[in-house]
Amino acid sequence: MLHVRSYWDEEDIDFYWEIDDEGWTVRHVAIVRATGFVQGAASLDEWNAAREAGTLDAYIDRYGRVAEGNVNTWDPDWPHDEITAEAYEAVWRDARATLDARHHDG
């Protein structure tokens, strides 16, 4: 697995990606840098399970969408930094806790 962080300055969003050995996004997190607002933290396995169960809309409402496409087809100059699995897991846990609390309060 590859774990990376990238920044999209046009929208001021930090993206955190967990990418499998074939280049597919397994999980990703999107956080607005200026405010810390978590836009999403989605998992491909959960996405597929929700789609099969007919609960995909509820999943998207809670966790957002899974990033599409293979990183091997992305712009070769795509700016990103590799991060450790531990750093990724910390971001993932915090983002999911935030989204779960928001949904519960919601």
N, C-alpha and C. Protein backbone atom coordinates (compact mmCIF):
# COMPACT_ATOMS: atom_id res chain seq x y z
N MET A 1 0.84 -1.19 0.00
CA MET A 1 0.00 0.00 0.00
C MET A 1 0.89 1.24 0.00
N LEU A 2 0.41 2.24 -0.71
CA LEU A 2 1.06 3.54 -0.75
C LEU A 2 0.14 4.52 -0.05
N HIS A 3 0.70 5.37 0.79
CA HIS A 3 -0.08 6.40 1.50
C HIS A 3 0.49 7.75 1.13
N VAL A 4 -0.37 8.64 0.62
CA VAL A 4 0.11 9.94 0.17
C VAL A 4 -0.85 11.04 0.62
N ARG A 5 -0.29 12.23 0.67
CA ARG A 5 -1.07 13.45 0.93
C ARG A 5 -0.84 14.37 -0.25
N SER A 6 -1.92 15.01 -0.70
CA SER A 6 -1.79 16.00 -1.75
C SER A 6 -2.66 17.19 -1.39
N TYR A 7 -2.33 18.33 -1.97
CA TYR A 7 -3.04 19.57 -1.68
C TYR A 7 -3.58 20.15 -2.97
N TRP A 8 -4.87 20.45 -2.97
CA TRP A 8 -5.51 21.09 -4.12
C TRP A 8 -5.74 22.54 -3.74
N ASP A 9 -4.87 23.42 -4.22
CA ASP A 9 -4.93 24.82 -3.80
C ASP A 9 -6.16 25.55 -4.31
N GLU A 10 -6.73 25.13 -5.43
CA GLU A 10 -7.92 25.81 -5.96
C GLU A 10 -9.10 25.75 -4.99
N GLU A 11 -9.18 24.67 -4.24
CA GLU A 11 -10.28 24.49 -3.29
C GLU A 11 -9.79 24.46 -1.84
N ASP A 12 -8.48 24.60 -1.63
CA ASP A 12 -7.87 24.58 -0.30
C ASP A 12 -8.18 23.28 0.44
N ILE A 13 -7.98 22.15 -0.24
CA ILE A 13 -8.30 20.85 0.33
C ILE A 13 -7.05 19.98 0.38
N ASP A 14 -6.85 19.37 1.55
CA ASP A 14 -5.83 18.33 1.69
C ASP A 14 -6.51 17.00 1.44
N PHE A 15 -5.92 16.21 0.58
CA PHE A 15 -6.40 14.86 0.30
C PHE A 15 -5.38 13.86 0.84
N TYR A 16 -5.88 12.83 1.44
CA TYR A 16 -5.06 11.73 1.93
C TYR A 16 -5.54 10.48 1.22
N TRP A 17 -4.62 9.75 0.62
CA TRP A 17 -4.97 8.61 -0.22
C TRP A 17 -4.27 7.36 0.29
N GLU A 18 -5.00 6.26 0.32
CA GLU A 18 -4.41 4.95 0.50
C GLU A 18 -4.61 4.24 -0.83
N ILE A 19 -3.51 3.85 -1.45
CA ILE A 19 -3.53 3.33 -2.81
C ILE A 19 -2.93 1.93 -2.81
N ASP A 20 -3.64 1.00 -3.47
CA ASP A 20 -3.14 -0.38 -3.50
C ASP A 20 -2.00 -0.52 -4.51
N ASP A 21 -1.44 -1.70 -4.56
CA ASP A 21 -0.26 -1.96 -5.40
C ASP A 21 -0.54 -1.82 -6.89
N GLU A 22 -1.81 -1.84 -7.27
CA GLU A 22 -2.17 -1.69 -8.68
C GLU A 22 -2.55 -0.25 -9.03
N GLY A 23 -2.51 0.64 -8.04
CA GLY A 23 -2.77 2.06 -8.30
C GLY A 23 -4.19 2.52 -8.03
N TRP A 24 -5.02 1.68 -7.43
CA TRP A 24 -6.41 2.04 -7.15
C TRP A 24 -6.55 2.59 -5.73
N THR A 25 -7.39 3.60 -5.59
CA THR A 25 -7.66 4.17 -4.27
C THR A 25 -8.49 3.20 -3.45
N VAL A 26 -8.00 2.86 -2.27
CA VAL A 26 -8.68 1.96 -1.36
C VAL A 26 -9.48 2.77 -0.34
N ARG A 27 -8.88 3.84 0.16
CA ARG A 27 -9.55 4.77 1.08
C ARG A 27 -9.01 6.17 0.79
N HIS A 28 -9.85 7.15 1.07
CA HIS A 28 -9.34 8.52 0.96
C HIS A 28 -10.09 9.44 1.91
N VAL A 29 -9.41 10.53 2.26
CA VAL A 29 -9.94 11.54 3.17
C VAL A 29 -9.76 12.89 2.49
N ALA A 30 -10.76 13.77 2.66
CA ALA A 30 -10.67 15.14 2.14
C ALA A 30 -10.99 16.11 3.27
N ILE A 31 -10.07 17.05 3.52
CA ILE A 31 -10.22 18.00 4.61
C ILE A 31 -9.90 19.40 4.10
N VAL A 32 -10.80 20.35 4.37
CA VAL A 32 -10.54 21.75 4.00
C VAL A 32 -9.45 22.28 4.93
N ARG A 33 -8.37 22.71 4.35
CA ARG A 33 -7.20 23.09 5.14
C ARG A 33 -7.48 24.27 6.08
N ALA A 34 -8.11 25.31 5.59
CA ALA A 34 -8.29 26.53 6.39
C ALA A 34 -9.18 26.32 7.62
N THR A 35 -10.17 25.46 7.48
CA THR A 35 -11.15 25.30 8.56
C THR A 35 -11.05 23.95 9.27
N GLY A 36 -10.39 22.98 8.66
CA GLY A 36 -10.34 21.64 9.22
C GLY A 36 -11.62 20.85 8.99
N PHE A 37 -12.53 21.40 8.17
CA PHE A 37 -13.80 20.72 7.89
C PHE A 37 -13.55 19.44 7.10
N VAL A 38 -14.01 18.33 7.63
CA VAL A 38 -13.85 17.04 6.96
C VAL A 38 -14.96 16.89 5.92
N GLN A 39 -14.57 16.83 4.66
CA GLN A 39 -15.55 16.67 3.59
C GLN A 39 -15.91 15.22 3.36
N GLY A 40 -14.98 14.32 3.62
CA GLY A 40 -15.27 12.92 3.40
C GLY A 40 -14.14 12.03 3.87
N ALA A 41 -14.50 10.77 4.12
CA ALA A 41 -13.53 9.73 4.47
C ALA A 41 -14.17 8.42 4.04
N ALA A 42 -13.91 8.03 2.81
CA ALA A 42 -14.61 6.90 2.20
C ALA A 42 -13.67 5.73 1.94
N SER A 43 -14.26 4.55 2.01
CA SER A 43 -13.54 3.29 1.79
C SER A 43 -14.16 2.55 0.61
N LEU A 44 -13.33 2.03 -0.27
CA LEU A 44 -13.82 1.30 -1.43
C LEU A 44 -14.61 0.06 -1.02
N ASP A 45 -14.12 -0.68 -0.03
CA ASP A 45 -14.83 -1.88 0.42
C ASP A 45 -16.21 -1.52 0.97
N GLU A 46 -16.28 -0.47 1.78
CA GLU A 46 -17.57 -0.04 2.33
C GLU A 46 -18.50 0.47 1.23
N TRP A 47 -17.93 1.21 0.28
CA TRP A 47 -18.68 1.74 -0.85
C TRP A 47 -19.35 0.60 -1.62
N ASN A 48 -18.55 -0.43 -1.93
CA ASN A 48 -19.08 -1.57 -2.67
C ASN A 48 -20.15 -2.31 -1.87
N ALA A 49 -19.94 -2.47 -0.57
CA ALA A 49 -20.93 -3.15 0.27
C ALA A 49 -22.22 -2.34 0.33
N ALA A 50 -22.11 -1.02 0.45
CA ALA A 50 -23.31 -0.17 0.49
C ALA A 50 -24.05 -0.21 -0.84
N ARG A 51 -23.31 -0.23 -1.94
CA ARG A 51 -23.95 -0.32 -3.25
C ARG A 51 -24.72 -1.63 -3.39
N GLU A 52 -24.09 -2.73 -2.97
CA GLU A 52 -24.75 -4.03 -3.05
C GLU A 52 -25.97 -4.12 -2.13
N ALA A 53 -25.92 -3.42 -0.99
CA ALA A 53 -27.02 -3.45 -0.02
C ALA A 53 -28.12 -2.45 -0.36
N GLY A 54 -27.88 -1.61 -1.36
CA GLY A 54 -28.86 -0.60 -1.72
C GLY A 54 -28.86 0.60 -0.79
N THR A 55 -27.75 0.81 -0.07
CA THR A 55 -27.67 1.92 0.89
C THR A 55 -26.58 2.93 0.50
N LEU A 56 -26.25 2.99 -0.78
CA LEU A 56 -25.16 3.85 -1.22
C LEU A 56 -25.44 5.32 -0.95
N ASP A 57 -26.66 5.78 -1.15
CA ASP A 57 -26.97 7.20 -0.89
C ASP A 57 -26.70 7.56 0.56
N ALA A 58 -27.08 6.69 1.49
CA ALA A 58 -26.83 6.95 2.91
C ALA A 58 -25.33 6.96 3.20
N TYR A 59 -24.60 6.06 2.56
CA TYR A 59 -23.14 6.02 2.73
C TYR A 59 -22.52 7.33 2.25
N ILE A 60 -22.91 7.78 1.08
CA ILE A 60 -22.37 9.03 0.52
C ILE A 60 -22.71 10.20 1.43
N ASP A 61 -23.93 10.25 1.95
CA ASP A 61 -24.32 11.33 2.85
C ASP A 61 -23.42 11.38 4.08
N ARG A 62 -23.02 10.22 4.55
CA ARG A 62 -22.23 10.16 5.78
C ARG A 62 -20.73 10.31 5.52
N TYR A 63 -20.21 9.58 4.53
CA TYR A 63 -18.76 9.49 4.34
C TYR A 63 -18.23 10.07 3.03
N GLY A 64 -19.10 10.48 2.14
CA GLY A 64 -18.65 11.03 0.88
C GLY A 64 -18.43 9.95 -0.17
N ARG A 65 -17.79 10.35 -1.24
CA ARG A 65 -17.57 9.44 -2.37
C ARG A 65 -16.15 8.90 -2.36
N VAL A 66 -16.00 7.75 -2.96
CA VAL A 66 -14.68 7.16 -3.13
C VAL A 66 -14.05 7.77 -4.38
N ALA A 67 -12.79 8.12 -4.29
CA ALA A 67 -12.08 8.68 -5.44
C ALA A 67 -12.06 7.65 -6.56
N GLU A 68 -12.27 8.11 -7.77
CA GLU A 68 -12.30 7.21 -8.93
C GLU A 68 -11.01 7.32 -9.71
N GLY A 69 -10.76 6.30 -10.46
CA GLY A 69 -9.60 6.31 -11.34
C GLY A 69 -8.38 5.68 -10.70
N ASN A 70 -7.44 5.39 -11.54
CA ASN A 70 -6.20 4.76 -11.13
C ASN A 70 -5.11 5.81 -11.14
N VAL A 71 -4.29 5.85 -10.09
CA VAL A 71 -3.25 6.88 -10.02
C VAL A 71 -2.27 6.79 -11.17
N ASN A 72 -2.18 5.63 -11.79
CA ASN A 72 -1.28 5.49 -12.93
C ASN A 72 -1.75 6.28 -14.15
N THR A 73 -3.01 6.71 -14.15
CA THR A 73 -3.54 7.52 -15.25
C THR A 73 -3.60 9.00 -14.90
N TRP A 74 -3.24 9.34 -13.66
CA TRP A 74 -3.26 10.74 -13.25
C TRP A 74 -2.08 11.48 -13.85
N ASP A 75 -2.14 12.79 -13.80
CA ASP A 75 -1.06 13.64 -14.28
C ASP A 75 0.26 13.20 -13.63
N PRO A 76 1.29 12.94 -14.43
CA PRO A 76 2.56 12.49 -13.86
C PRO A 76 3.21 13.54 -12.96
N ASP A 77 2.80 14.79 -13.09
CA ASP A 77 3.33 15.85 -12.24
C ASP A 77 2.42 16.14 -11.05
N TRP A 78 1.48 15.24 -10.80
CA TRP A 78 0.56 15.38 -9.68
C TRP A 78 1.37 15.58 -8.39
N PRO A 79 1.17 16.72 -7.74
CA PRO A 79 1.97 17.01 -6.54
C PRO A 79 1.45 16.23 -5.33
N HIS A 80 2.32 15.46 -4.75
CA HIS A 80 1.95 14.68 -3.57
C HIS A 80 3.19 14.33 -2.77
N ASP A 81 2.96 14.02 -1.50
CA ASP A 81 4.03 13.59 -0.61
C ASP A 81 3.65 12.24 -0.04
N GLU A 82 4.59 11.32 -0.05
CA GLU A 82 4.35 10.04 0.57
C GLU A 82 4.37 10.21 2.09
N ILE A 83 3.43 9.56 2.78
CA ILE A 83 3.36 9.60 4.24
C ILE A 83 3.37 8.16 4.76
N THR A 84 3.59 8.02 6.05
CA THR A 84 3.61 6.68 6.63
C THR A 84 2.19 6.15 6.79
N ALA A 85 2.10 4.83 6.88
CA ALA A 85 0.81 4.20 7.13
C ALA A 85 0.24 4.68 8.47
N GLU A 86 1.10 4.88 9.45
CA GLU A 86 0.66 5.34 10.76
C GLU A 86 0.07 6.75 10.68
N ALA A 87 0.72 7.63 9.92
CA ALA A 87 0.20 8.99 9.75
C ALA A 87 -1.16 8.95 9.04
N TYR A 88 -1.27 8.09 8.03
CA TYR A 88 -2.53 7.97 7.32
C TYR A 88 -3.62 7.48 8.27
N GLU A 89 -3.33 6.46 9.05
CA GLU A 89 -4.32 5.89 9.97
C GLU A 89 -4.80 6.92 10.98
N ALA A 90 -3.91 7.78 11.45
CA ALA A 90 -4.30 8.83 12.40
C ALA A 90 -5.29 9.80 11.75
N VAL A 91 -5.01 10.20 10.52
CA VAL A 91 -5.93 11.10 9.80
C VAL A 91 -7.26 10.39 9.56
N TRP A 92 -7.21 9.14 9.13
CA TRP A 92 -8.41 8.36 8.87
C TRP A 92 -9.29 8.26 10.13
N ARG A 93 -8.69 7.87 11.25
CA ARG A 93 -9.45 7.72 12.50
C ARG A 93 -10.12 9.03 12.91
N ASP A 94 -9.37 10.12 12.85
CA ASP A 94 -9.93 11.43 13.24
C ASP A 94 -11.06 11.85 12.30
N ALA A 95 -10.85 11.64 11.01
CA ALA A 95 -11.87 12.04 10.03
C ALA A 95 -13.14 11.21 10.21
N ARG A 96 -12.98 9.91 10.39
CA ARG A 96 -14.16 9.07 10.57
C ARG A 96 -14.90 9.41 11.86
N ALA A 97 -14.17 9.67 12.93
CA ALA A 97 -14.80 10.06 14.19
C ALA A 97 -15.58 11.35 14.02
N THR A 98 -15.01 12.30 13.29
CA THR A 98 -15.69 13.57 13.03
C THR A 98 -16.97 13.35 12.24
N LEU A 99 -16.90 12.56 11.18
CA LEU A 99 -18.08 12.31 10.35
C LEU A 99 -19.13 11.51 11.11
N ASP A 100 -18.72 10.55 11.90
CA ASP A 100 -19.67 9.78 12.69
C ASP A 100 -20.39 10.66 13.71
N ALA A 101 -19.64 11.55 14.36
CA ALA A 101 -20.24 12.47 15.33
C ALA A 101 -21.19 13.45 14.64
N ARG A 102 -20.80 13.94 13.49
CA ARG A 102 -21.64 14.87 12.74
C ARG A 102 -22.94 14.18 12.33
N HIS A 103 -22.83 12.94 11.89
CA HIS A 103 -24.02 12.19 11.49
C HIS A 103 -24.92 11.92 12.69
N HIS A 104 -24.31 11.59 13.81
CA HIS A 104 -25.07 11.31 15.03
C HIS A 104 -25.77 12.56 15.53
N ASP A 105 -25.08 13.71 15.45
CA ASP A 105 -25.66 14.98 15.90
C ASP A 105 -26.68 15.52 14.93
N GLY A 106 -26.57 15.08 13.70
CA GLY A 106 -27.22 15.58 12.64
C GLY A 106 -28.45 15.80 12.15
